[in-house]
Amino acid sequence: MTASSATRKRRSAKLAQFSRHPLILFFRGFLRDPAMVGSVIPSSAKLVDHVLGPVDWDATRVFVEYGPGVGTFTQPVLDRLGPDATLVAIDTNPDFVDYLRREIRDPRLKVVRGSAADVRRILEDLGHDQADYILSGLPFSTLPPGVGPRIAAETAAVLRPGGAFLVYQVSARVFDFIRPEFGRIDRGFEAWNVPPMRLFWAYRLAPDGASAGGG
């Protein structure tokens, strides 16, 4: 191998490594489909902790994440999950799916390329009939017509009684989609994020009116 060909090979390897960096993948995913990614940079640690705060991890066996991207929430969820629990991460972007499968080697993580609107079928295919918690940062305000209400309805249908839909959004429009499906919705706000986020914890009430969040 000549010196020039060796140099080209090293440059090519560095370029390939750079293109697989999570921030580059995230930015490229945003440019490719901003209606599904919703933000140009990943979420902050403050936002992650705030959104996941109400989760009863001891009672969680199946956790679902919509639009995991490069795993900003995925790894913290795995860090909190019990050893026998499962995290199902659903994303339409093949680059994000490939990245998560390559970078996070955890048998509890099942990464699926697909739509959140098909969550019921996806869980059935994995041998689960319900979820304890479902997390979403999908930008409901920019989803195609009809998709937001369908995701909300399918999410409510697959959550166990007492389970919760955890949502973080720039826009409050998601409230219009989840309000018809859930018996209780708590709201919050996280300023320590770019951009700041509106938070929603929507509970599917149990027959006795109880929710996972108590109160």
N, C-alpha and C. Protein backbone atom coordinates (compact mmCIF):
# COMPACT_ATOMS: atom_id res chain seq x y z
N MET A 1 0.85 -1.20 0.00
CA MET A 1 0.00 0.00 0.00
C MET A 1 0.88 1.25 0.00
N THR A 2 0.61 2.17 -0.88
CA THR A 2 1.39 3.41 -0.95
C THR A 2 0.99 4.34 0.19
N ALA A 3 1.86 5.34 0.44
CA ALA A 3 1.58 6.31 1.50
C ALA A 3 0.30 7.08 1.23
N SER A 4 0.09 7.44 -0.06
CA SER A 4 -1.11 8.22 -0.39
C SER A 4 -2.38 7.39 -0.20
N SER A 5 -2.34 6.11 -0.57
CA SER A 5 -3.54 5.27 -0.39
C SER A 5 -3.81 5.02 1.08
N ALA A 6 -2.74 4.88 1.88
CA ALA A 6 -2.91 4.71 3.33
C ALA A 6 -3.54 5.95 3.94
N THR A 7 -3.11 7.11 3.47
CA THR A 7 -3.68 8.37 3.98
C THR A 7 -5.16 8.47 3.62
N ARG A 8 -5.49 8.12 2.38
CA ARG A 8 -6.89 8.16 1.96
C ARG A 8 -7.74 7.20 2.79
N LYS A 9 -7.18 6.03 3.11
CA LYS A 9 -7.90 5.04 3.89
C LYS A 9 -8.17 5.56 5.30
N ARG A 10 -7.15 6.21 5.90
CA ARG A 10 -7.33 6.77 7.24
C ARG A 10 -8.38 7.87 7.23
N ARG A 11 -8.32 8.73 6.21
CA ARG A 11 -9.31 9.82 6.11
C ARG A 11 -10.71 9.27 5.94
N SER A 12 -10.84 8.23 5.13
CA SER A 12 -12.14 7.61 4.90
C SER A 12 -12.68 7.00 6.19
N ALA A 13 -11.79 6.36 6.98
CA ALA A 13 -12.22 5.76 8.24
C ALA A 13 -12.66 6.83 9.23
N LYS A 14 -11.91 7.95 9.28
CA LYS A 14 -12.28 9.05 10.18
C LYS A 14 -13.61 9.67 9.77
N LEU A 15 -13.81 9.83 8.47
CA LEU A 15 -15.07 10.40 7.98
C LEU A 15 -16.24 9.49 8.31
N ALA A 16 -16.04 8.18 8.16
CA ALA A 16 -17.12 7.23 8.48
C ALA A 16 -17.43 7.28 9.97
N GLN A 17 -16.38 7.37 10.81
CA GLN A 17 -16.59 7.45 12.25
C GLN A 17 -17.32 8.74 12.62
N PHE A 18 -16.92 9.84 12.00
CA PHE A 18 -17.56 11.13 12.25
C PHE A 18 -19.04 11.08 11.88
N SER A 19 -19.36 10.45 10.74
CA SER A 19 -20.75 10.39 10.27
C SER A 19 -21.63 9.56 11.19
N ARG A 20 -21.00 8.68 12.00
CA ARG A 20 -21.78 7.86 12.93
C ARG A 20 -21.88 8.46 14.32
N HIS A 21 -21.28 9.64 14.52
CA HIS A 21 -21.37 10.29 15.83
C HIS A 21 -22.84 10.59 16.12
N PRO A 22 -23.29 10.37 17.37
CA PRO A 22 -24.72 10.55 17.67
C PRO A 22 -25.27 11.93 17.36
N LEU A 23 -24.48 12.99 17.60
CA LEU A 23 -24.97 14.34 17.31
C LEU A 23 -25.15 14.55 15.81
N ILE A 24 -24.22 13.99 15.02
CA ILE A 24 -24.33 14.10 13.57
C ILE A 24 -25.54 13.32 13.08
N LEU A 25 -25.72 12.11 13.62
CA LEU A 25 -26.88 11.30 13.24
C LEU A 25 -28.18 12.02 13.60
N PHE A 26 -28.21 12.64 14.79
CA PHE A 26 -29.42 13.32 15.23
C PHE A 26 -29.73 14.50 14.33
N PHE A 27 -28.71 15.30 14.04
CA PHE A 27 -28.90 16.47 13.17
C PHE A 27 -29.34 16.03 11.77
N ARG A 28 -28.73 14.96 11.25
CA ARG A 28 -29.10 14.46 9.94
C ARG A 28 -30.53 13.93 9.94
N GLY A 29 -30.92 13.29 11.05
CA GLY A 29 -32.30 12.81 11.17
C GLY A 29 -33.30 13.95 11.18
N PHE A 30 -32.92 15.06 11.85
CA PHE A 30 -33.79 16.23 11.87
C PHE A 30 -33.96 16.81 10.47
N LEU A 31 -32.84 16.93 9.74
CA LEU A 31 -32.91 17.47 8.38
C LEU A 31 -33.72 16.56 7.47
N ARG A 32 -33.59 15.26 7.68
CA ARG A 32 -34.28 14.29 6.83
C ARG A 32 -35.78 14.31 7.06
N ASP A 33 -36.19 14.44 8.33
CA ASP A 33 -37.62 14.39 8.62
C ASP A 33 -37.92 15.18 9.89
N PRO A 34 -37.91 16.52 9.83
CA PRO A 34 -38.16 17.34 11.02
C PRO A 34 -39.53 17.12 11.63
N ALA A 35 -40.49 16.65 10.84
CA ALA A 35 -41.83 16.41 11.37
C ALA A 35 -41.83 15.25 12.36
N MET A 36 -40.83 14.35 12.29
CA MET A 36 -40.78 13.21 13.18
C MET A 36 -39.74 13.37 14.28
N VAL A 37 -38.68 14.14 14.03
CA VAL A 37 -37.63 14.30 15.04
C VAL A 37 -37.97 15.45 15.99
N GLY A 38 -38.34 16.60 15.43
CA GLY A 38 -38.90 17.68 16.24
C GLY A 38 -37.91 18.62 16.88
N SER A 39 -36.63 18.24 17.02
CA SER A 39 -35.64 19.13 17.60
C SER A 39 -34.30 18.90 16.91
N VAL A 40 -33.48 19.93 16.89
CA VAL A 40 -32.21 19.82 16.19
C VAL A 40 -31.11 19.23 17.07
N ILE A 41 -31.30 19.19 18.40
CA ILE A 41 -30.33 18.60 19.32
C ILE A 41 -31.04 17.70 20.31
N PRO A 42 -30.33 16.72 20.88
CA PRO A 42 -30.96 15.80 21.85
C PRO A 42 -31.38 16.51 23.13
N SER A 43 -32.20 15.83 23.92
CA SER A 43 -32.73 16.38 25.16
C SER A 43 -31.66 16.47 26.25
N SER A 44 -31.89 17.37 27.21
CA SER A 44 -30.96 17.57 28.32
C SER A 44 -31.19 16.53 29.41
N ALA A 45 -30.17 16.36 30.27
CA ALA A 45 -30.30 15.44 31.41
C ALA A 45 -31.39 15.91 32.37
N LYS A 46 -31.55 17.22 32.50
CA LYS A 46 -32.61 17.77 33.36
C LYS A 46 -33.98 17.33 32.86
N LEU A 47 -34.17 17.42 31.56
CA LEU A 47 -35.45 17.02 30.97
C LEU A 47 -35.68 15.53 31.19
N VAL A 48 -34.68 14.72 30.95
CA VAL A 48 -34.81 13.27 31.13
C VAL A 48 -35.26 12.95 32.55
N ASP A 49 -34.59 13.53 33.55
CA ASP A 49 -34.94 13.25 34.94
C ASP A 49 -36.35 13.73 35.28
N HIS A 50 -36.75 14.89 34.75
CA HIS A 50 -38.07 15.44 35.03
C HIS A 50 -39.17 14.55 34.45
N VAL A 51 -39.00 14.17 33.18
CA VAL A 51 -40.03 13.36 32.53
C VAL A 51 -40.19 12.00 33.20
N LEU A 52 -39.07 11.39 33.58
CA LEU A 52 -39.12 10.03 34.14
C LEU A 52 -39.40 10.02 35.65
N GLY A 53 -39.48 11.19 36.26
CA GLY A 53 -39.67 11.28 37.70
C GLY A 53 -40.82 10.48 38.28
N PRO A 54 -42.02 10.50 37.68
CA PRO A 54 -43.16 9.80 38.28
C PRO A 54 -43.18 8.28 38.08
N VAL A 55 -42.25 7.71 37.32
CA VAL A 55 -42.31 6.29 36.98
C VAL A 55 -42.04 5.42 38.20
N ASP A 56 -42.90 4.42 38.40
CA ASP A 56 -42.70 3.41 39.44
C ASP A 56 -41.90 2.27 38.81
N TRP A 57 -40.59 2.34 38.95
CA TRP A 57 -39.73 1.38 38.26
C TRP A 57 -39.88 -0.04 38.78
N ASP A 58 -40.18 -0.19 40.06
CA ASP A 58 -40.36 -1.53 40.63
C ASP A 58 -41.55 -2.25 40.03
N ALA A 59 -42.54 -1.48 39.56
CA ALA A 59 -43.75 -2.07 38.99
C ALA A 59 -43.72 -2.11 37.47
N THR A 60 -42.59 -1.76 36.88
CA THR A 60 -42.49 -1.67 35.42
C THR A 60 -41.89 -2.94 34.83
N ARG A 61 -42.64 -3.57 33.95
CA ARG A 61 -42.16 -4.76 33.24
C ARG A 61 -41.97 -4.50 31.75
N VAL A 62 -42.84 -3.64 31.18
CA VAL A 62 -42.73 -3.30 29.76
C VAL A 62 -42.79 -1.78 29.63
N PHE A 63 -41.73 -1.21 29.10
CA PHE A 63 -41.63 0.24 28.88
C PHE A 63 -41.44 0.43 27.37
N VAL A 64 -42.17 1.38 26.79
CA VAL A 64 -42.09 1.64 25.35
C VAL A 64 -41.63 3.07 25.13
N GLU A 65 -40.75 3.25 24.16
CA GLU A 65 -40.30 4.59 23.79
C GLU A 65 -40.57 4.83 22.32
N TYR A 66 -41.28 5.93 22.01
CA TYR A 66 -41.50 6.34 20.63
C TYR A 66 -40.41 7.33 20.22
N GLY A 67 -39.80 7.09 19.06
CA GLY A 67 -38.81 8.03 18.54
C GLY A 67 -37.59 8.16 19.42
N PRO A 68 -36.89 7.06 19.70
CA PRO A 68 -35.73 7.12 20.61
C PRO A 68 -34.54 7.89 20.06
N GLY A 69 -34.47 8.09 18.74
CA GLY A 69 -33.35 8.83 18.17
C GLY A 69 -32.04 8.14 18.45
N VAL A 70 -31.09 8.88 19.07
CA VAL A 70 -29.78 8.32 19.38
C VAL A 70 -29.68 7.83 20.82
N GLY A 71 -30.83 7.67 21.48
CA GLY A 71 -30.83 7.03 22.80
C GLY A 71 -30.68 7.94 23.98
N THR A 72 -31.01 9.23 23.83
CA THR A 72 -30.87 10.17 24.94
C THR A 72 -31.70 9.75 26.14
N PHE A 73 -32.90 9.25 25.91
CA PHE A 73 -33.73 8.69 26.98
C PHE A 73 -33.51 7.19 27.13
N THR A 74 -33.15 6.50 26.06
CA THR A 74 -33.09 5.05 26.06
C THR A 74 -32.15 4.51 27.14
N GLN A 75 -30.93 5.03 27.20
CA GLN A 75 -29.98 4.53 28.19
C GLN A 75 -30.41 4.85 29.61
N PRO A 76 -30.88 6.08 29.92
CA PRO A 76 -31.38 6.34 31.28
C PRO A 76 -32.54 5.44 31.68
N VAL A 77 -33.43 5.12 30.72
CA VAL A 77 -34.52 4.19 31.04
C VAL A 77 -33.94 2.82 31.38
N LEU A 78 -33.01 2.34 30.59
CA LEU A 78 -32.39 1.04 30.88
C LEU A 78 -31.68 1.05 32.23
N ASP A 79 -31.05 2.17 32.57
CA ASP A 79 -30.36 2.28 33.85
C ASP A 79 -31.32 2.14 35.02
N ARG A 80 -32.59 2.50 34.82
CA ARG A 80 -33.57 2.46 35.89
C ARG A 80 -34.41 1.18 35.88
N LEU A 81 -34.50 0.51 34.75
CA LEU A 81 -35.34 -0.69 34.62
C LEU A 81 -34.78 -1.86 35.42
N GLY A 82 -35.70 -2.73 35.88
CA GLY A 82 -35.29 -3.94 36.56
C GLY A 82 -34.68 -4.94 35.59
N PRO A 83 -34.00 -5.96 36.11
CA PRO A 83 -33.29 -6.92 35.25
C PRO A 83 -34.21 -7.76 34.37
N ASP A 84 -35.46 -7.91 34.76
CA ASP A 84 -36.39 -8.75 33.99
C ASP A 84 -37.35 -7.92 33.13
N ALA A 85 -37.17 -6.62 33.09
CA ALA A 85 -38.06 -5.75 32.33
C ALA A 85 -37.59 -5.64 30.88
N THR A 86 -38.46 -5.08 30.04
CA THR A 86 -38.18 -4.91 28.62
C THR A 86 -38.44 -3.47 28.20
N LEU A 87 -37.54 -2.94 27.39
CA LEU A 87 -37.73 -1.63 26.77
C LEU A 87 -37.88 -1.83 25.27
N VAL A 88 -39.02 -1.41 24.73
CA VAL A 88 -39.29 -1.51 23.30
C VAL A 88 -39.15 -0.11 22.72
N ALA A 89 -38.16 0.10 21.87
CA ALA A 89 -37.91 1.40 21.25
C ALA A 89 -38.34 1.35 19.79
N ILE A 90 -39.27 2.25 19.42
CA ILE A 90 -39.86 2.24 18.08
C ILE A 90 -39.48 3.51 17.34
N ASP A 91 -38.87 3.36 16.17
CA ASP A 91 -38.47 4.54 15.38
C ASP A 91 -38.64 4.24 13.90
N THR A 92 -39.03 5.26 13.14
CA THR A 92 -39.18 5.10 11.69
C THR A 92 -37.87 5.31 10.94
N ASN A 93 -36.88 5.91 11.60
CA ASN A 93 -35.63 6.27 10.94
C ASN A 93 -34.65 5.09 10.99
N PRO A 94 -34.27 4.53 9.84
CA PRO A 94 -33.38 3.36 9.85
C PRO A 94 -32.00 3.65 10.41
N ASP A 95 -31.52 4.91 10.28
CA ASP A 95 -30.21 5.26 10.83
C ASP A 95 -30.22 5.19 12.35
N PHE A 96 -31.29 5.70 12.97
CA PHE A 96 -31.41 5.63 14.42
C PHE A 96 -31.55 4.18 14.88
N VAL A 97 -32.34 3.39 14.17
CA VAL A 97 -32.52 1.98 14.53
C VAL A 97 -31.19 1.24 14.48
N ASP A 98 -30.43 1.43 13.41
CA ASP A 98 -29.13 0.78 13.27
C ASP A 98 -28.17 1.23 14.37
N TYR A 99 -28.19 2.53 14.68
CA TYR A 99 -27.29 3.07 15.70
C TYR A 99 -27.58 2.44 17.07
N LEU A 100 -28.85 2.40 17.45
CA LEU A 100 -29.20 1.84 18.76
C LEU A 100 -28.86 0.36 18.85
N ARG A 101 -29.15 -0.36 17.80
CA ARG A 101 -28.82 -1.80 17.80
C ARG A 101 -27.32 -2.03 17.90
N ARG A 102 -26.54 -1.13 17.33
CA ARG A 102 -25.09 -1.28 17.33
C ARG A 102 -24.47 -0.81 18.64
N GLU A 103 -24.96 0.29 19.18
CA GLU A 103 -24.30 0.93 20.31
C GLU A 103 -24.79 0.47 21.68
N ILE A 104 -26.03 0.03 21.78
CA ILE A 104 -26.56 -0.38 23.09
C ILE A 104 -26.79 -1.89 23.07
N ARG A 105 -25.87 -2.61 23.63
CA ARG A 105 -25.95 -4.07 23.67
C ARG A 105 -26.55 -4.49 25.01
N ASP A 106 -27.85 -4.45 25.09
CA ASP A 106 -28.57 -4.80 26.32
C ASP A 106 -29.72 -5.72 25.93
N PRO A 107 -29.76 -6.94 26.45
CA PRO A 107 -30.82 -7.87 26.05
C PRO A 107 -32.22 -7.40 26.40
N ARG A 108 -32.33 -6.42 27.29
CA ARG A 108 -33.66 -5.91 27.65
C ARG A 108 -34.20 -4.95 26.60
N LEU A 109 -33.35 -4.48 25.69
CA LEU A 109 -33.75 -3.50 24.68
C LEU A 109 -34.14 -4.19 23.38
N LYS A 110 -35.34 -3.89 22.91
CA LYS A 110 -35.82 -4.37 21.62
C LYS A 110 -36.06 -3.15 20.73
N VAL A 111 -35.24 -2.98 19.71
CA VAL A 111 -35.36 -1.83 18.82
C VAL A 111 -36.12 -2.25 17.57
N VAL A 112 -37.20 -1.54 17.27
CA VAL A 112 -38.09 -1.90 16.17
C VAL A 112 -38.19 -0.72 15.21
N ARG A 113 -38.01 -0.99 13.93
CA ARG A 113 -38.27 0.05 12.94
C ARG A 113 -39.76 -0.02 12.58
N GLY A 114 -40.48 1.05 12.89
CA GLY A 114 -41.91 1.06 12.65
C GLY A 114 -42.53 2.34 13.16
N SER A 115 -43.84 2.39 13.11
CA SER A 115 -44.59 3.58 13.52
C SER A 115 -45.20 3.38 14.90
N ALA A 116 -45.22 4.47 15.67
CA ALA A 116 -45.87 4.43 16.98
C ALA A 116 -47.35 4.11 16.85
N ALA A 117 -47.93 4.43 15.72
CA ALA A 117 -49.36 4.13 15.50
C ALA A 117 -49.62 2.64 15.47
N ASP A 118 -48.58 1.83 15.31
CA ASP A 118 -48.72 0.38 15.27
C ASP A 118 -48.24 -0.28 16.56
N VAL A 119 -48.22 0.47 17.65
CA VAL A 119 -47.65 -0.04 18.89
C VAL A 119 -48.33 -1.32 19.36
N ARG A 120 -49.64 -1.43 19.19
CA ARG A 120 -50.32 -2.64 19.65
C ARG A 120 -49.82 -3.88 18.93
N ARG A 121 -49.70 -3.79 17.61
CA ARG A 121 -49.22 -4.92 16.83
C ARG A 121 -47.76 -5.23 17.15
N ILE A 122 -46.97 -4.19 17.31
CA ILE A 122 -45.55 -4.39 17.61
C ILE A 122 -45.37 -5.13 18.93
N LEU A 123 -46.12 -4.71 19.95
CA LEU A 123 -46.01 -5.40 21.24
C LEU A 123 -46.50 -6.84 21.15
N GLU A 124 -47.59 -7.05 20.41
CA GLU A 124 -48.09 -8.42 20.23
C GLU A 124 -47.04 -9.30 19.55
N ASP A 125 -46.35 -8.74 18.56
CA ASP A 125 -45.31 -9.50 17.86
C ASP A 125 -44.16 -9.87 18.79
N LEU A 126 -43.94 -9.06 19.82
CA LEU A 126 -42.88 -9.33 20.79
C LEU A 126 -43.35 -10.14 21.98
N GLY A 127 -44.63 -10.52 21.96
CA GLY A 127 -45.17 -11.36 23.02
C GLY A 127 -45.71 -10.62 24.22
N HIS A 128 -46.04 -9.34 24.06
CA HIS A 128 -46.59 -8.54 25.16
C HIS A 128 -47.99 -8.06 24.81
N ASP A 129 -48.89 -8.07 25.78
CA ASP A 129 -50.25 -7.61 25.51
C ASP A 129 -50.52 -6.21 26.06
N GLN A 130 -49.57 -5.66 26.83
CA GLN A 130 -49.76 -4.32 27.35
C GLN A 130 -48.42 -3.73 27.78
N ALA A 131 -48.42 -2.43 28.03
CA ALA A 131 -47.23 -1.73 28.50
C ALA A 131 -47.56 -1.01 29.80
N ASP A 132 -46.54 -0.81 30.62
CA ASP A 132 -46.72 -0.07 31.88
C ASP A 132 -46.58 1.43 31.67
N TYR A 133 -45.58 1.79 30.85
CA TYR A 133 -45.35 3.20 30.54
C TYR A 133 -44.95 3.32 29.07
N ILE A 134 -45.37 4.43 28.47
CA ILE A 134 -44.97 4.74 27.10
C ILE A 134 -44.48 6.18 27.08
N LEU A 135 -43.31 6.38 26.50
CA LEU A 135 -42.64 7.67 26.46
C LEU A 135 -42.61 8.18 25.03
N SER A 136 -42.85 9.48 24.85
CA SER A 136 -42.82 10.03 23.49
C SER A 136 -42.35 11.47 23.45
N GLY A 137 -41.41 11.72 22.54
CA GLY A 137 -41.04 13.09 22.21
C GLY A 137 -41.40 13.43 20.78
N LEU A 138 -42.19 12.57 20.14
CA LEU A 138 -42.61 12.84 18.77
C LEU A 138 -43.36 14.18 18.71
N PRO A 139 -43.07 15.02 17.75
CA PRO A 139 -43.71 16.34 17.68
C PRO A 139 -45.14 16.23 17.14
N PHE A 140 -46.09 16.06 18.03
CA PHE A 140 -47.48 15.85 17.60
C PHE A 140 -48.02 16.99 16.76
N SER A 141 -47.52 18.20 16.98
CA SER A 141 -48.06 19.36 16.25
C SER A 141 -47.69 19.34 14.78
N THR A 142 -46.69 18.56 14.38
CA THR A 142 -46.27 18.53 12.98
C THR A 142 -46.50 17.17 12.32
N LEU A 143 -47.12 16.24 13.02
CA LEU A 143 -47.40 14.94 12.42
C LEU A 143 -48.45 15.08 11.31
N PRO A 144 -48.45 14.19 10.34
CA PRO A 144 -49.46 14.25 9.28
C PRO A 144 -50.87 14.15 9.86
N PRO A 145 -51.87 14.71 9.19
CA PRO A 145 -53.24 14.68 9.68
C PRO A 145 -53.70 13.26 10.02
N GLY A 146 -54.32 13.13 11.19
CA GLY A 146 -54.86 11.85 11.61
C GLY A 146 -53.89 10.97 12.37
N VAL A 147 -52.59 11.22 12.23
CA VAL A 147 -51.61 10.35 12.88
C VAL A 147 -51.57 10.58 14.39
N GLY A 148 -51.61 11.84 14.83
CA GLY A 148 -51.58 12.14 16.25
C GLY A 148 -52.72 11.49 17.02
N PRO A 149 -53.98 11.68 16.59
CA PRO A 149 -55.09 11.03 17.29
C PRO A 149 -54.98 9.50 17.30
N ARG A 150 -54.47 8.93 16.20
CA ARG A 150 -54.34 7.46 16.16
C ARG A 150 -53.29 6.98 17.15
N ILE A 151 -52.16 7.68 17.23
CA ILE A 151 -51.13 7.29 18.19
C ILE A 151 -51.67 7.39 19.61
N ALA A 152 -52.39 8.47 19.91
CA ALA A 152 -52.96 8.63 21.25
C ALA A 152 -53.93 7.51 21.58
N ALA A 153 -54.79 7.15 20.63
CA ALA A 153 -55.78 6.09 20.87
C ALA A 153 -55.10 4.74 21.03
N GLU A 154 -54.13 4.43 20.19
CA GLU A 154 -53.44 3.14 20.28
C GLU A 154 -52.62 3.05 21.56
N THR A 155 -52.06 4.17 21.97
CA THR A 155 -51.30 4.20 23.21
C THR A 155 -52.20 3.90 24.41
N ALA A 156 -53.34 4.58 24.46
CA ALA A 156 -54.27 4.34 25.56
C ALA A 156 -54.76 2.90 25.57
N ALA A 157 -54.97 2.32 24.39
CA ALA A 157 -55.48 0.96 24.30
C ALA A 157 -54.49 -0.07 24.80
N VAL A 158 -53.19 0.21 24.65
CA VAL A 158 -52.19 -0.80 24.99
C VAL A 158 -51.61 -0.60 26.40
N LEU A 159 -51.87 0.53 27.02
CA LEU A 159 -51.41 0.74 28.39
C LEU A 159 -52.25 -0.07 29.38
N ARG A 160 -51.59 -0.60 30.39
CA ARG A 160 -52.34 -1.28 31.45
C ARG A 160 -53.11 -0.24 32.26
N PRO A 161 -54.20 -0.64 32.92
CA PRO A 161 -54.88 0.28 33.84
C PRO A 161 -53.89 0.77 34.90
N GLY A 162 -53.84 2.06 35.09
CA GLY A 162 -52.87 2.65 35.99
C GLY A 162 -51.58 3.05 35.31
N GLY A 163 -51.41 2.66 34.06
CA GLY A 163 -50.21 3.01 33.30
C GLY A 163 -50.26 4.45 32.82
N ALA A 164 -49.13 4.93 32.31
CA ALA A 164 -49.06 6.34 31.95
C ALA A 164 -48.32 6.56 30.63
N PHE A 165 -48.75 7.60 29.93
CA PHE A 165 -48.13 8.08 28.69
C PHE A 165 -47.34 9.32 29.06
N LEU A 166 -46.01 9.28 28.91
CA LEU A 166 -45.12 10.36 29.29
C LEU A 166 -44.72 11.12 28.02
N VAL A 167 -45.07 12.39 27.95
CA VAL A 167 -44.90 13.15 26.70
C VAL A 167 -44.15 14.44 26.97
N TYR A 168 -43.15 14.74 26.13
CA TYR A 168 -42.46 16.04 26.20
C TYR A 168 -42.54 16.68 24.82
N GLN A 169 -42.93 17.96 24.78
CA GLN A 169 -43.25 18.64 23.53
C GLN A 169 -42.89 20.12 23.59
N VAL A 170 -42.57 20.68 22.45
CA VAL A 170 -42.42 22.13 22.34
C VAL A 170 -43.80 22.77 22.35
N SER A 171 -44.74 22.18 21.64
CA SER A 171 -46.10 22.71 21.53
C SER A 171 -47.03 22.00 22.50
N ALA A 172 -48.07 22.71 22.93
CA ALA A 172 -49.08 22.11 23.81
C ALA A 172 -50.20 21.44 23.03
N ARG A 173 -50.09 21.39 21.72
CA ARG A 173 -51.19 20.85 20.91
C ARG A 173 -51.48 19.39 21.22
N VAL A 174 -50.47 18.66 21.68
CA VAL A 174 -50.67 17.24 21.99
C VAL A 174 -51.80 17.04 23.00
N PHE A 175 -52.04 18.05 23.83
CA PHE A 175 -53.11 17.93 24.83
C PHE A 175 -54.45 17.65 24.17
N ASP A 176 -54.70 18.24 23.02
CA ASP A 176 -55.97 18.02 22.31
C ASP A 176 -56.11 16.57 21.85
N PHE A 177 -54.97 15.90 21.59
CA PHE A 177 -55.00 14.52 21.14
C PHE A 177 -55.15 13.53 22.29
N ILE A 178 -54.51 13.82 23.41
CA ILE A 178 -54.52 12.85 24.52
C ILE A 178 -55.69 13.06 25.48
N ARG A 179 -56.28 14.26 25.48
CA ARG A 179 -57.37 14.52 26.43
C ARG A 179 -58.55 13.56 26.27
N PRO A 180 -58.99 13.19 25.04
CA PRO A 180 -60.13 12.27 24.93
C PRO A 180 -59.82 10.84 25.36
N GLU A 181 -58.53 10.49 25.48
CA GLU A 181 -58.15 9.11 25.69
C GLU A 181 -57.77 8.77 27.13
N PHE A 182 -57.47 9.79 27.95
CA PHE A 182 -56.93 9.52 29.27
C PHE A 182 -57.74 10.20 30.36
N GLY A 183 -57.89 9.50 31.49
CA GLY A 183 -58.73 10.00 32.56
C GLY A 183 -58.08 11.07 33.41
N ARG A 184 -56.78 11.11 33.41
CA ARG A 184 -56.07 12.12 34.22
C ARG A 184 -54.82 12.53 33.47
N ILE A 185 -54.57 13.84 33.39
CA ILE A 185 -53.39 14.35 32.74
C ILE A 185 -52.74 15.40 33.64
N ASP A 186 -51.51 15.13 34.07
CA ASP A 186 -50.73 16.10 34.82
C ASP A 186 -49.82 16.85 33.84
N ARG A 187 -49.53 18.11 34.17
CA ARG A 187 -48.74 18.93 33.26
C ARG A 187 -47.54 19.53 33.98
N GLY A 188 -46.47 19.79 33.22
CA GLY A 188 -45.28 20.41 33.78
C GLY A 188 -44.53 21.17 32.71
N PHE A 189 -43.39 21.73 33.10
CA PHE A 189 -42.58 22.51 32.16
C PHE A 189 -41.11 22.37 32.55
N GLU A 190 -40.25 22.19 31.56
CA GLU A 190 -38.81 22.10 31.82
C GLU A 190 -38.08 23.17 31.00
N ALA A 191 -37.54 24.17 31.73
CA ALA A 191 -36.84 25.27 31.07
C ALA A 191 -35.40 24.92 30.71
N TRP A 192 -34.82 23.96 31.44
CA TRP A 192 -33.42 23.60 31.22
C TRP A 192 -33.30 22.60 30.08
N ASN A 193 -33.67 23.05 28.92
CA ASN A 193 -33.58 22.25 27.70
C ASN A 193 -33.62 23.22 26.52
N VAL A 194 -33.01 22.82 25.41
CA VAL A 194 -33.06 23.62 24.18
C VAL A 194 -33.77 22.81 23.11
N PRO A 195 -35.02 23.21 22.76
CA PRO A 195 -35.80 24.29 23.35
C PRO A 195 -36.47 23.85 24.66
N PRO A 196 -37.00 24.79 25.47
CA PRO A 196 -37.78 24.41 26.65
C PRO A 196 -38.96 23.51 26.25
N MET A 197 -39.35 22.64 27.17
CA MET A 197 -40.36 21.65 26.84
C MET A 197 -41.57 21.68 27.78
N ARG A 198 -42.74 21.48 27.18
CA ARG A 198 -43.96 21.23 27.95
C ARG A 198 -44.06 19.74 28.20
N LEU A 199 -44.44 19.38 29.42
CA LEU A 199 -44.48 17.97 29.82
C LEU A 199 -45.91 17.56 30.16
N PHE A 200 -46.23 16.32 29.81
CA PHE A 200 -47.55 15.76 30.08
C PHE A 200 -47.37 14.33 30.58
N TRP A 201 -48.08 14.02 31.69
CA TRP A 201 -48.13 12.66 32.18
C TRP A 201 -49.60 12.24 32.15
N ALA A 202 -49.96 11.43 31.16
CA ALA A 202 -51.36 11.06 30.94
C ALA A 202 -51.58 9.64 31.44
N TYR A 203 -52.51 9.48 32.39
CA TYR A 203 -52.73 8.20 33.04
C TYR A 203 -54.00 7.51 32.55
N ARG A 204 -53.88 6.23 32.30
CA ARG A 204 -55.07 5.43 32.03
C ARG A 204 -55.60 4.95 33.37
N LEU A 205 -56.74 5.44 33.76
CA LEU A 205 -57.27 5.14 35.08
C LEU A 205 -57.66 3.68 35.22
N ALA A 206 -57.38 3.12 36.39
CA ALA A 206 -57.83 1.78 36.73
C ALA A 206 -59.32 1.81 37.00
N PRO A 207 -60.00 0.65 37.04
CA PRO A 207 -61.44 0.62 37.30
C PRO A 207 -61.86 1.35 38.55
N ASP A 208 -60.97 1.37 39.57
CA ASP A 208 -61.32 2.06 40.81
C ASP A 208 -60.97 3.54 40.78
N GLY A 209 -60.52 4.00 39.61
CA GLY A 209 -60.19 5.42 39.46
C GLY A 209 -58.78 5.77 39.86
N ALA A 210 -57.97 4.77 40.27
CA ALA A 210 -56.60 5.03 40.69
C ALA A 210 -55.69 5.14 39.48
N SER A 211 -54.58 5.82 39.65
CA SER A 211 -53.58 5.94 38.58
C SER A 211 -52.22 5.61 39.14
N ALA A 212 -51.27 5.38 38.23
CA ALA A 212 -49.92 5.04 38.67
C ALA A 212 -49.28 6.16 39.45
N GLY A 213 -49.75 7.39 39.21
CA GLY A 213 -49.16 8.53 39.87
C GLY A 213 -49.79 8.85 41.22
N GLY A 214 -50.80 8.09 41.60
CA GLY A 214 -51.47 8.35 42.87
C GLY A 214 -52.27 9.64 42.81
N GLY A 215 -52.59 10.18 43.99
CA GLY A 215 -53.27 11.48 44.02
C GLY A 215 -54.76 11.40 43.85
